[in-house]
Amino acid sequence: MDPLQGEGIYYAILSGQLAAQAINQSIEKDLLPSESYQTSIHLHISENLKWALPFSRFVFRFTKLAYEALKTYPELAHFYLQVLEGKENYQGFVSKMKARIGDLLKGRWSEKIRKAIARV
C-alpha cells in the first residue's frame, strides 16, 4: 500500500504481473519462479515504497510546505502524476521535491524541517 495515498490496487496488479512474468521466466529458463518473483518485487515495489514512506511522513508533518512547493512548481505535480502512473518512481520524485523545497525556502530551514528532510 502506498503510504502517501493509502492506495494499494496498483501494487496488487503490479504484483500479479510480476508473478506472471516470473512463471513465464521459470518455464523458459527452468528456474524457480519464487526467486525471480522476489527479486522483481524488491526492485519494482519494495524499493519504491521505501522512498514513499519517509516522504509521506514529511508531507503529513509539513502539509503547508508540501502544498506550497506543488503550487509554486507545477512540474512537481506533473512528475507526481507520473509516479502514480508507474512511469517514474518515488526516489526521483523525492529528489526533485527536496531541491524545490530548498529553492522555495531559500536557506531559511528550521531545525524541524532540516531533520525531517534528512530522513527522506
Protein backbone atom coordinates (compact mmCIF):
# COMPACT_ATOMS: atom_id res chain seq x y z
CA MET A 1 0.00 0.00 0.00
CA ASP A 2 1.26 3.45 -0.87
CA PRO A 3 1.72 5.30 2.44
CA LEU A 4 1.07 8.72 0.92
CA GLN A 5 -2.24 7.91 -0.75
CA GLY A 6 -3.35 4.78 1.07
CA GLU A 7 -3.84 3.13 -2.31
CA GLY A 8 -2.91 -0.49 -2.93
CA ILE A 9 -4.65 -1.66 -6.11
CA TYR A 10 -1.77 -0.51 -8.33
CA TYR A 11 0.72 -2.58 -6.33
CA ALA A 12 -1.61 -5.59 -6.25
CA ILE A 13 -1.93 -5.53 -10.04
CA LEU A 14 1.79 -4.98 -10.48
CA SER A 15 2.49 -7.88 -8.13
CA GLY A 16 0.25 -10.12 -10.23
CA GLN A 17 2.02 -9.03 -13.41
CA LEU A 18 5.40 -9.72 -11.82
CA ALA A 19 4.20 -13.15 -10.70
CA ALA A 20 3.08 -13.97 -14.26
CA GLN A 21 6.46 -12.82 -15.61
CA ALA A 22 8.25 -14.96 -13.03
CA ILE A 23 6.22 -18.01 -14.03
CA ASN A 24 6.96 -17.40 -17.72
CA GLN A 25 10.67 -17.00 -17.00
CA SER A 26 10.72 -20.14 -14.89
CA ILE A 27 9.26 -22.15 -17.77
CA GLU A 28 11.64 -20.63 -20.33
CA LYS A 29 14.80 -20.85 -18.20
CA ASP A 30 13.96 -23.78 -15.90
CA LEU A 31 14.22 -21.63 -12.73
CA LEU A 32 12.15 -21.44 -9.58
CA PRO A 33 9.52 -18.74 -10.08
CA SER A 34 9.73 -17.66 -6.43
CA GLU A 35 13.32 -16.43 -6.81
CA SER A 36 12.55 -14.32 -9.85
CA TYR A 37 9.35 -13.05 -8.27
CA GLN A 38 11.05 -11.97 -5.02
CA THR A 39 13.76 -10.15 -6.94
CA SER A 40 11.17 -8.35 -9.06
CA ILE A 41 9.06 -7.41 -6.03
CA HIS A 42 12.11 -5.96 -4.33
CA LEU A 43 13.17 -3.99 -7.40
CA HIS A 44 9.77 -2.72 -8.57
CA ILE A 45 7.73 -2.39 -5.40
CA SER A 46 9.76 -2.53 -2.17
CA GLU A 47 12.43 -0.08 -3.30
CA ASN A 48 9.79 2.39 -4.44
CA LEU A 49 7.79 2.16 -1.23
CA LYS A 50 11.00 2.52 0.79
CA TRP A 51 11.15 6.09 -0.55
CA ALA A 52 7.40 6.69 -0.27
CA LEU A 53 7.17 6.07 3.49
CA PRO A 54 9.57 8.77 4.77
CA PHE A 55 8.29 11.16 2.11
CA SER A 56 4.69 10.62 3.25
CA ARG A 57 5.73 11.30 6.84
CA PHE A 58 7.32 14.57 5.71
CA VAL A 59 4.23 15.60 3.72
CA PHE A 60 1.84 14.85 6.58
CA ARG A 61 4.06 16.72 9.03
CA PHE A 62 4.65 19.75 6.77
CA THR A 63 1.45 19.83 4.72
CA LYS A 64 1.54 23.59 4.03
CA LEU A 65 5.15 23.44 2.85
CA ALA A 66 4.43 20.48 0.55
CA TYR A 67 1.36 22.29 -0.81
CA GLU A 68 3.36 25.48 -1.43
CA ALA A 69 6.05 23.51 -3.25
CA LEU A 70 3.45 21.87 -5.53
CA LYS A 71 1.69 25.20 -6.10
CA THR A 72 4.91 27.08 -6.84
CA TYR A 73 6.42 24.33 -9.02
CA PRO A 74 3.64 22.79 -11.14
CA GLU A 75 6.15 20.46 -12.81
CA LEU A 76 6.28 18.60 -9.48
CA ALA A 77 2.57 17.82 -9.72
CA HIS A 78 3.11 16.51 -13.25
CA PHE A 79 6.05 14.40 -12.10
CA TYR A 80 3.97 13.04 -9.20
CA LEU A 81 1.26 12.01 -11.66
CA GLN A 82 3.94 10.05 -13.49
CA VAL A 83 4.77 8.29 -10.21
CA LEU A 84 1.10 7.39 -9.82
CA GLU A 85 1.05 6.05 -13.39
CA GLY A 86 4.12 3.90 -12.70
CA LYS A 87 6.22 5.80 -15.23
CA GLU A 88 8.51 7.28 -12.56
CA ASN A 89 9.48 6.27 -9.04
CA TYR A 90 9.37 7.91 -5.64
CA GLN A 91 13.14 8.19 -5.42
CA GLY A 92 13.24 10.54 -8.40
CA PHE A 93 10.22 12.46 -7.16
CA VAL A 94 11.67 12.90 -3.66
CA SER A 95 14.93 14.23 -5.13
CA LYS A 96 13.07 16.79 -7.22
CA MET A 97 10.84 17.76 -4.30
CA LYS A 98 13.82 18.26 -1.97
CA ALA A 99 15.50 20.55 -4.49
CA ARG A 100 12.34 22.62 -4.98
CA ILE A 101 11.69 22.92 -1.24
CA GLY A 102 15.27 24.13 -0.86
CA ASP A 103 14.64 26.74 -3.57
CA LEU A 104 11.32 27.71 -2.01
CA LEU A 105 12.81 28.24 1.46
CA LYS A 106 15.96 29.94 0.13
CA GLY A 107 18.09 28.71 3.00
CA ARG A 108 15.56 29.51 5.76
CA TRP A 109 15.41 25.94 7.04
CA SER A 110 14.07 25.43 10.52
CA GLU A 111 15.69 22.69 12.57
CA LYS A 112 12.48 20.61 12.36
CA ILE A 113 12.43 20.79 8.56
CA ARG A 114 16.16 20.14 8.30
CA LYS A 115 15.85 16.95 10.38
CA ALA A 116 12.72 15.77 8.57
CA ILE A 117 14.14 16.33 5.09
CA ALA A 118 17.33 14.46 6.09
CA ARG A 119 15.20 11.35 6.76
CA VAL A 120 13.58 11.49 3.33
